[in-house]
Amino acid sequence: IYFSTELGQEIPSGLYIAVAQVLAFVFQLRRYNNQGGNKPHLDTEDLPIPDELKRD
């Protein structure tokens, strides 16, 4: 998002799933920090980012 979007712009639709996965991870991490349990894992290599929105 940082490289493909300006502040205040909509998130590109090609990034919806990746953004949803990151947000889910953040909420899981918050729950882990507050309640314990299994530490969540996010494999950034598996995030579905379209090639045209990837940055080297």
Protein backbone atom coordinates (compact mmCIF):
# COMPACT_ATOMS: atom_id res chain seq x y z
CA ILE A 1 0.00 0.00 0.00
CA TYR A 2 2.83 2.36 0.88
CA PHE A 3 4.25 2.26 -2.64
CA SER A 4 1.03 2.12 -4.63
CA THR A 5 -1.33 4.45 -2.77
CA GLU A 6 -1.31 8.01 -1.53
CA LEU A 7 -2.76 8.95 1.83
CA GLY A 8 -6.53 9.21 1.56
CA GLN A 9 -6.79 7.05 -1.57
CA GLU A 10 -8.69 3.80 -1.70
CA ILE A 11 -6.76 0.58 -1.28
CA PRO A 12 -6.25 -1.03 -4.71
CA SER A 13 -8.68 -3.93 -5.10
CA GLY A 14 -5.78 -6.26 -5.91
CA LEU A 15 -4.56 -5.80 -2.34
CA TYR A 16 -7.85 -6.43 -0.52
CA ILE A 17 -7.05 -10.01 0.44
CA ALA A 18 -3.48 -9.21 1.48
CA VAL A 19 -4.68 -6.30 3.62
CA ALA A 20 -7.37 -8.48 5.18
CA GLN A 21 -4.77 -11.13 6.04
CA VAL A 22 -2.49 -8.55 7.65
CA LEU A 23 -5.37 -7.07 9.64
CA ALA A 24 -6.41 -10.54 10.80
CA PHE A 25 -2.83 -11.17 11.90
CA VAL A 26 -2.77 -7.91 13.86
CA PHE A 27 -5.97 -8.85 15.70
CA GLN A 28 -4.64 -12.35 16.40
CA LEU A 29 -1.39 -10.87 17.69
CA ARG A 30 -3.29 -8.49 19.95
CA ARG A 31 -5.31 -11.40 21.34
CA TYR A 32 -2.10 -13.40 21.84
CA ASN A 33 -0.50 -10.50 23.73
CA ASN A 34 -3.56 -10.06 25.94
CA GLN A 35 -4.63 -13.66 26.49
CA GLY A 36 -1.72 -15.92 25.56
CA GLY A 37 -2.17 -19.11 23.61
CA ASN A 38 -0.57 -19.95 20.30
CA LYS A 39 1.52 -17.19 18.78
CA PRO A 40 0.14 -16.25 15.36
CA HIS A 41 2.33 -16.48 12.28
CA LEU A 42 2.15 -14.48 9.06
CA ASP A 43 4.14 -15.73 6.10
CA THR A 44 4.66 -12.60 4.05
CA GLU A 45 5.88 -14.64 1.09
CA ASP A 46 2.37 -16.07 0.72
CA LEU A 47 0.49 -12.77 0.68
CA PRO A 48 -1.45 -12.47 -2.59
CA ILE A 49 0.06 -9.31 -4.06
CA PRO A 50 -0.39 -8.80 -7.81
CA ASP A 51 2.88 -8.40 -9.71
CA GLU A 52 1.95 -4.90 -10.89
CA LEU A 53 1.64 -3.77 -7.25
CA LYS A 54 4.83 -5.39 -5.96
CA ARG A 55 7.86 -3.31 -5.17
CA ASP A 56 11.40 -4.69 -5.27
